[in-house]
Protein backbone atom coordinates (compact mmCIF):
# COMPACT_ATOMS: atom_id res chain seq x y z
CA MET A 1 27.48 -27.22 -10.16
CA VAL A 2 28.46 -27.40 -13.83
CA PRO A 3 25.89 -29.36 -15.88
CA GLU A 4 27.12 -32.14 -18.13
CA ILE A 5 25.87 -30.36 -21.25
CA ALA A 6 28.48 -27.64 -20.66
CA HIS A 7 31.03 -30.14 -21.96
CA SER A 8 28.97 -31.94 -24.58
CA VAL A 9 31.75 -32.44 -27.15
CA ARG A 10 34.85 -34.43 -26.30
CA LEU A 11 37.90 -35.49 -28.24
CA THR A 12 39.01 -39.01 -27.33
CA ASP A 13 42.31 -39.36 -25.48
CA ASP A 14 44.13 -40.51 -28.61
CA ALA A 15 42.39 -37.81 -30.72
CA ASP A 16 41.05 -40.37 -33.21
CA ALA A 17 37.34 -39.62 -32.70
CA VAL A 18 34.94 -36.96 -31.47
CA LEU A 19 32.28 -37.86 -28.91
CA VAL A 20 29.12 -35.73 -29.13
CA LEU A 21 26.35 -35.79 -26.53
CA ASP A 22 23.16 -36.38 -28.52
CA ARG A 23 20.97 -33.41 -27.64
CA ARG A 24 18.05 -34.89 -29.57
CA ARG A 25 17.61 -37.44 -26.76
CA LEU A 26 17.97 -35.12 -23.80
CA PRO A 27 16.82 -34.85 -21.06
CA PHE A 28 15.66 -38.46 -20.82
CA GLU A 29 18.73 -40.26 -22.16
CA ARG A 30 22.48 -39.61 -22.11
CA VAL A 31 23.81 -40.99 -25.39
CA TRP A 32 27.20 -40.11 -26.86
CA VAL A 33 27.62 -40.32 -30.65
CA ARG A 34 31.09 -41.33 -31.81
CA CYS A 35 32.34 -39.56 -34.95
CA GLY A 36 35.54 -40.94 -36.44
CA THR A 37 35.80 -38.66 -39.49
CA VAL A 38 35.22 -35.04 -40.41
CA ASP A 39 32.28 -36.15 -42.57
CA GLU A 40 30.66 -37.84 -39.57
CA VAL A 41 31.08 -34.73 -37.42
CA ALA A 42 29.57 -32.60 -40.21
CA GLU A 43 26.61 -34.97 -40.44
CA ALA A 44 26.11 -34.82 -36.67
CA ILE A 45 26.02 -31.04 -36.80
CA LYS A 46 23.63 -31.05 -39.75
CA ASP A 47 21.32 -33.56 -38.04
CA MET A 48 21.14 -31.51 -34.81
CA VAL A 49 22.96 -34.08 -32.69
CA THR A 50 24.51 -30.90 -31.35
CA GLN A 51 23.49 -27.25 -31.76
CA SER A 52 23.96 -23.75 -30.32
CA SER A 53 27.62 -23.59 -29.20
CA GLY A 54 28.00 -27.35 -29.65
CA PRO A 55 28.91 -27.09 -33.35
CA TYR A 56 31.73 -24.67 -32.45
CA PHE A 57 33.36 -27.24 -30.18
CA ALA A 58 32.58 -30.06 -32.61
CA ALA A 59 34.21 -28.19 -35.49
CA LEU A 60 37.35 -27.53 -33.43
CA SER A 61 37.65 -31.25 -32.70
CA ALA A 62 36.80 -32.20 -36.28
CA MET A 63 39.74 -30.13 -37.50
CA VAL A 64 41.99 -32.26 -35.27
CA LEU A 65 40.62 -35.33 -37.06
CA ALA A 66 41.42 -33.61 -40.36
CA ALA A 67 44.98 -33.02 -39.20
CA ARG A 68 45.31 -36.72 -38.39
CA GLU A 69 44.05 -37.58 -41.87
CA ALA A 70 46.65 -35.24 -43.36
CA SER A 71 49.54 -36.31 -41.14
CA GLY A 72 51.41 -38.05 -43.98
CA LEU A 73 51.09 -35.16 -46.43
CA SER A 74 53.41 -32.29 -47.19
CA PRO A 75 52.68 -29.04 -45.29
CA GLU A 76 51.15 -27.56 -48.44
CA HIS A 77 48.84 -30.50 -49.06
CA ALA A 78 48.02 -30.79 -45.36
CA ARG A 79 46.94 -27.15 -45.35
CA ALA A 80 44.73 -27.77 -48.40
CA HIS A 81 43.17 -30.78 -46.67
CA LEU A 82 42.39 -28.73 -43.56
CA GLU A 83 40.85 -25.99 -45.67
CA ARG A 84 38.59 -28.49 -47.44
CA ALA A 85 37.52 -29.92 -44.10
CA GLY A 86 36.79 -26.40 -42.87
CA ARG A 87 34.61 -25.59 -45.86
CA LEU A 88 32.61 -28.79 -45.33
CA LEU A 89 31.98 -27.94 -41.68
CA VAL A 90 30.98 -24.33 -42.35
CA ARG A 91 28.38 -25.43 -44.92
CA THR A 92 26.46 -27.59 -42.43
CA ARG A 93 24.72 -24.65 -40.65
CA ARG A 94 24.71 -21.24 -42.34
CA THR A 95 23.03 -18.76 -40.03
CA ASN A 96 25.18 -19.04 -36.90
CA ASN A 97 28.81 -18.24 -37.68
CA HIS A 98 30.25 -20.30 -34.82
CA LEU A 99 31.49 -22.81 -37.37
CA ARG A 100 33.35 -20.20 -39.35
CA LYS A 101 34.98 -18.91 -36.17
CA ALA A 102 36.05 -22.40 -35.10
CA VAL A 103 37.60 -23.16 -38.48
CA HIS A 104 39.34 -19.78 -38.49
CA ALA A 105 40.76 -20.46 -35.01
CA VAL A 106 42.49 -23.57 -36.34
CA LEU A 107 43.51 -22.30 -39.77
CA SER A 108 45.08 -19.21 -38.22
CA THR A 109 47.93 -21.42 -37.02
CA SER A 110 50.80 -22.19 -39.39
CA ASP A 111 51.40 -25.58 -37.76
CA THR A 112 49.32 -28.22 -39.57
CA SER A 113 50.60 -31.13 -37.47
CA VAL A 114 48.21 -32.97 -35.19
CA ASP A 115 49.86 -31.41 -32.14
CA GLY A 116 49.73 -27.95 -33.67
CA VAL A 117 46.06 -28.19 -34.64
CA LEU A 118 45.20 -29.74 -31.27
CA ALA A 119 46.84 -26.81 -29.49
CA ALA A 120 44.93 -24.34 -31.68
CA ALA A 121 41.66 -26.17 -31.01
CA ARG A 122 42.22 -26.13 -27.26
CA ALA A 123 43.08 -22.44 -27.37
CA GLY A 124 39.92 -21.78 -29.38
CA GLU A 125 37.80 -23.57 -26.79
CA GLU A 126 39.37 -21.74 -23.86
CA LEU A 127 38.90 -18.39 -25.60
CA TYR A 128 35.22 -19.14 -26.26
CA ARG A 129 34.59 -20.08 -22.67
CA ALA A 130 36.44 -17.04 -21.32
CA ARG A 131 34.50 -14.69 -23.59
CA SER A 132 31.24 -16.36 -22.54
CA ARG A 133 32.11 -15.73 -18.89
CA ALA A 134 32.83 -12.08 -19.68
CA LEU A 135 29.55 -11.45 -21.49
CA ALA A 136 27.61 -13.26 -18.76
CA SER A 137 29.14 -11.02 -16.11
CA ALA A 138 28.10 -7.96 -18.13
CA ALA A 139 24.57 -9.34 -18.54
CA ALA A 140 24.25 -10.11 -14.83
CA GLU A 141 24.90 -6.44 -14.06
CA LEU A 142 21.82 -5.48 -16.10
CA LEU A 143 19.45 -7.69 -14.13
CA PRO A 144 18.02 -6.52 -10.80
CA ASP A 145 18.03 -8.58 -7.63
CA GLY A 146 14.99 -10.85 -7.76
CA ALA A 147 14.85 -10.70 -11.56
CA ARG A 148 12.30 -12.89 -13.31
CA VAL A 149 13.86 -13.66 -16.68
CA LEU A 150 12.08 -14.88 -19.81
CA THR A 151 14.32 -16.73 -22.22
CA HIS A 152 13.78 -18.42 -25.58
CA CYS A 153 15.51 -21.44 -27.09
CA TRP A 154 18.80 -22.68 -25.62
CA ALA A 155 21.54 -20.15 -24.87
CA ASP A 156 24.00 -22.91 -23.96
CA ILE A 157 27.28 -21.74 -22.38
CA TYR A 158 25.99 -18.17 -22.25
CA LEU A 159 23.05 -19.25 -20.09
CA ILE A 160 25.14 -21.46 -17.82
CA GLU A 161 27.65 -18.66 -17.28
CA LEU A 162 24.84 -16.13 -16.70
CA VAL A 163 23.42 -18.27 -13.90
CA THR A 164 26.90 -18.57 -12.41
CA ALA A 165 27.47 -14.81 -12.66
CA LEU A 166 24.13 -14.02 -11.00
CA GLU A 167 24.91 -16.41 -8.16
CA ARG A 168 28.38 -14.93 -7.78
CA ALA A 169 26.81 -11.47 -7.52
CA GLY A 170 24.50 -12.71 -4.77
CA LYS A 171 21.38 -11.93 -6.77
CA ARG A 172 18.11 -13.81 -6.51
CA PHE A 173 16.50 -14.77 -9.81
CA SER A 174 14.14 -17.13 -11.59
CA PHE A 175 13.57 -18.13 -15.21
CA VAL A 176 10.60 -18.64 -17.49
CA CYS A 177 11.43 -20.76 -20.55
CA THR A 178 9.50 -21.10 -23.77
CA GLU A 179 9.26 -24.66 -25.07
CA THR A 180 10.69 -23.56 -28.46
CA ARG A 181 8.77 -25.53 -31.06
CA PRO A 182 9.38 -27.61 -33.07
CA TYR A 183 12.75 -28.84 -31.77
CA LEU A 184 11.81 -28.05 -28.15
CA GLN A 185 15.22 -26.76 -27.08
CA GLY A 186 13.61 -24.77 -24.30
CA ALA A 187 11.67 -27.71 -22.91
CA ARG A 188 14.38 -30.34 -23.36
CA LEU A 189 17.61 -28.39 -22.83
CA THR A 190 17.09 -24.99 -21.19
CA ALA A 191 14.57 -25.89 -18.48
CA PRO A 192 16.26 -29.15 -17.35
CA THR A 193 19.69 -27.49 -17.28
CA LEU A 194 18.38 -24.63 -15.14
CA VAL A 195 16.76 -27.12 -12.77
CA GLU A 196 20.02 -29.10 -12.67
CA MET A 197 21.71 -25.87 -11.54
CA GLY A 198 19.11 -25.34 -8.83
CA VAL A 199 17.24 -22.47 -10.51
CA ASP A 200 13.53 -21.76 -9.97
CA THR A 201 12.23 -22.54 -13.47
CA THR A 202 8.84 -22.29 -15.17
CA LEU A 203 8.09 -23.76 -18.62
CA ILE A 204 5.51 -22.19 -20.95
CA THR A 205 4.37 -22.85 -24.50
CA ASP A 206 5.60 -20.54 -27.23
CA GLY A 207 2.16 -18.97 -27.55
CA MET A 208 2.22 -17.76 -23.92
CA GLY A 209 5.20 -15.41 -24.25
CA ALA A 210 3.22 -12.24 -24.94
CA ALA A 211 0.85 -13.01 -22.06
CA VAL A 212 3.57 -13.33 -19.42
CA LEU A 213 5.18 -10.14 -20.72
CA ALA A 214 1.85 -8.33 -20.54
CA ASP A 215 0.89 -9.32 -17.02
CA GLY A 216 4.15 -8.39 -15.34
CA ARG A 217 5.37 -11.89 -14.64
CA VAL A 218 8.87 -11.18 -16.02
CA ASP A 219 11.34 -8.33 -15.65
CA ALA A 220 13.55 -8.95 -18.67
CA LEU A 221 13.72 -10.94 -21.90
CA VAL A 222 17.20 -12.42 -22.28
CA THR A 223 18.26 -14.60 -25.23
CA ALA A 224 21.41 -15.57 -27.02
CA ALA A 225 21.96 -14.28 -30.55
CA ASP A 226 23.21 -16.47 -33.37
CA ARG A 227 24.46 -13.28 -34.98
CA VAL A 228 24.27 -9.55 -34.42
CA THR A 229 24.87 -7.41 -37.49
CA MET A 230 26.93 -4.25 -37.51
CA ASP A 231 23.77 -2.12 -37.58
CA GLY A 232 22.26 -3.89 -34.57
CA HIS A 233 19.90 -6.51 -36.02
CA VAL A 234 19.64 -9.62 -33.84
CA VAL A 235 19.39 -13.00 -35.59
CA ASN A 236 18.23 -15.80 -33.32
CA LYS A 237 15.92 -18.80 -33.08
CA VAL A 238 12.59 -18.18 -34.79
CA GLY A 239 10.14 -16.76 -32.27
CA THR A 240 12.59 -14.23 -30.85
CA LEU A 241 11.12 -11.47 -33.03
CA GLY A 242 7.61 -11.97 -31.64
CA LEU A 243 8.86 -11.98 -28.06
CA ALA A 244 10.93 -8.84 -28.68
CA ALA A 245 7.93 -7.01 -30.17
CA SER A 246 5.80 -8.00 -27.17
CA ALA A 247 8.54 -6.98 -24.75
CA ARG A 248 8.73 -3.55 -26.35
CA ALA A 249 4.94 -3.18 -26.27
CA PHE A 250 4.80 -3.91 -22.55
CA GLY A 251 7.94 -2.04 -21.45
CA VAL A 252 10.14 -5.07 -20.73
CA PRO A 253 13.83 -4.76 -21.72
CA PHE A 254 15.29 -7.22 -24.22
CA HIS A 255 18.97 -8.10 -23.76
CA ALA A 256 20.61 -10.14 -26.56
CA LEU A 257 23.82 -11.99 -25.73
CA VAL A 258 26.59 -12.47 -28.29
CA GLN A 259 30.35 -12.52 -27.93
CA ALA A 260 30.82 -9.96 -30.71
CA PRO A 261 28.89 -8.42 -33.59
CA ASP A 262 29.72 -9.90 -36.98
CA GLN A 263 31.98 -7.63 -39.01
CA ASP A 264 31.08 -9.55 -42.16
CA ALA A 265 27.38 -8.73 -41.80
CA ALA A 266 26.70 -5.03 -42.34
CA SER A 267 22.97 -5.63 -42.00
CA ALA A 268 20.41 -8.41 -41.88
CA ASP A 269 20.38 -9.05 -45.62
CA ALA A 270 23.95 -10.36 -45.29
CA VAL A 271 22.86 -13.23 -43.03
CA PRO A 272 21.47 -16.37 -44.70
CA ILE A 273 18.44 -17.76 -42.89
CA GLU A 274 18.46 -21.53 -42.62
CA TYR A 275 15.26 -23.37 -43.47
CA ARG A 276 14.86 -26.86 -42.07
CA ASP A 277 12.58 -29.76 -43.04
CA PRO A 278 8.99 -28.42 -43.02
CA ALA A 279 7.80 -31.87 -41.96
CA ASP A 280 9.17 -31.04 -38.49
CA VAL A 281 6.28 -28.65 -37.83
CA LEU A 282 3.53 -30.96 -39.10
CA SER A 283 3.20 -33.18 -36.04
CA ALA A 284 0.17 -33.33 -33.78
CA LEU A 285 -0.37 -36.08 -31.19
CA GLY A 286 2.68 -37.83 -32.57
CA ARG A 287 1.40 -38.02 -36.15
CA PRO A 288 1.86 -35.87 -39.27
CA VAL A 289 -1.10 -33.64 -40.06
CA PRO A 290 -2.36 -34.65 -43.54
CA GLY A 291 -3.08 -32.36 -46.47
CA VAL A 292 -1.20 -29.24 -45.33
CA ARG A 293 2.19 -27.73 -46.07
CA GLY A 294 4.73 -26.86 -43.38
CA LEU A 295 7.14 -23.93 -43.15
CA TYR A 296 10.21 -23.97 -40.91
CA PRO A 297 12.55 -20.98 -40.99
CA ALA A 298 14.90 -21.87 -38.11
CA PHE A 299 15.76 -18.24 -37.34
CA ASP A 300 14.24 -14.78 -37.49
CA VAL A 301 15.62 -11.23 -37.44
CA THR A 302 14.77 -8.70 -34.74
CA PRO A 303 15.34 -5.07 -35.82
CA PRO A 304 17.40 -2.76 -33.60
CA ASN A 305 14.40 -0.71 -32.45
CA LEU A 306 13.07 -3.78 -30.59
CA VAL A 307 16.39 -4.53 -28.85
CA THR A 308 17.31 -2.77 -25.62
CA THR A 309 20.89 -3.99 -25.23
CA VAL A 310 23.41 -6.14 -27.07
CA VAL A 311 25.66 -7.69 -24.43
CA THR A 312 29.14 -8.74 -25.56
CA ASP A 313 32.34 -9.90 -23.92
CA ARG A 314 33.39 -6.23 -23.92
CA GLY A 315 30.26 -5.03 -22.19
CA ALA A 316 26.79 -3.83 -23.11
CA PHE A 317 25.98 -1.69 -26.14
CA ALA A 318 22.87 -0.03 -27.48
CA PRO A 319 22.05 -1.69 -30.83
CA ALA A 320 22.97 1.48 -32.74
CA ASP A 321 26.39 1.48 -31.07
CA VAL A 322 27.53 -2.13 -31.61
CA HIS A 323 30.13 -0.92 -34.12
CA GLU A 324 31.91 0.65 -31.14
CA TYR A 325 32.88 -2.89 -30.11
CA TYR A 326 35.74 -2.76 -32.60
CA ARG A 327 37.10 0.63 -31.59
CA GLU A 328 39.42 -1.17 -29.19
CA GLY A 329 41.25 -4.49 -29.23
CA GLU A 330 41.57 -7.13 -31.88
CA GLN A 331 39.56 -7.14 -35.09
CA ASN A 332 37.64 -10.04 -36.63
CA GLN A 333 36.41 -11.45 -33.35
């Protein structure tokens, strides 16, 4: 069973709008936000209507909208319009480079017509999904039969494909999900999606992660990675670092899933860390806590010595060896 969130961004049949499943209202409501312009798609990404791999698919579709806007222009001016649209989309979220990859997938084509950009966008989506299946198959091989997996935040297509790969391998498994404050991706997205797929799922608060690692309740920590640098640092949702440190302390392997390490990030200092509205962390019992300041770095950086394996679409690597990914095949993945 493929959950609805696996296809949470849709281009309308006439390619004049992008429909985005509003993840802020899941799991209790299914609301689709209609975006008729590139600006509206960019705002939806910025406002977390979609996140994780969602912005990748949204950016692909937004570039089709840009091609429609440029349909009456010369090829030179159409290309310039697409490039401006791409820059706007990339600026909306800085830490995860999905947006840059999506824009690159479209701009790599020389055909700036609507049909040409639509074909490039569809190819970009199929490539992403195929690479996600490949990395999930590699990750499933690392997990034993009966694995109890702790995960953090929302790994999106990676997680859905991992569940599928484990089932295909005939392995038994269960998941423990952190709630992932303050946006609650784990509680609202990860846990309900796993349940929708028929997986034995337990939800814990963020503060319980070290405890379940210490008492032997889980066999592996598995998360997505928003980026992996060329020297093996893992950048992911804030809270990953603490879980990785606890996993190392209690002898639990940490497997980070990413399609490919980022060639443009030699080390962690090359990755900008996004800070979101600090007011998001100042809520208790539905009200803002008065008289205190909030701090909300949306991501943290886990050093290579706390990472067991980086799992890519070309297999699993030790963090120190992720540069080997590019020894074979295409560059600039």
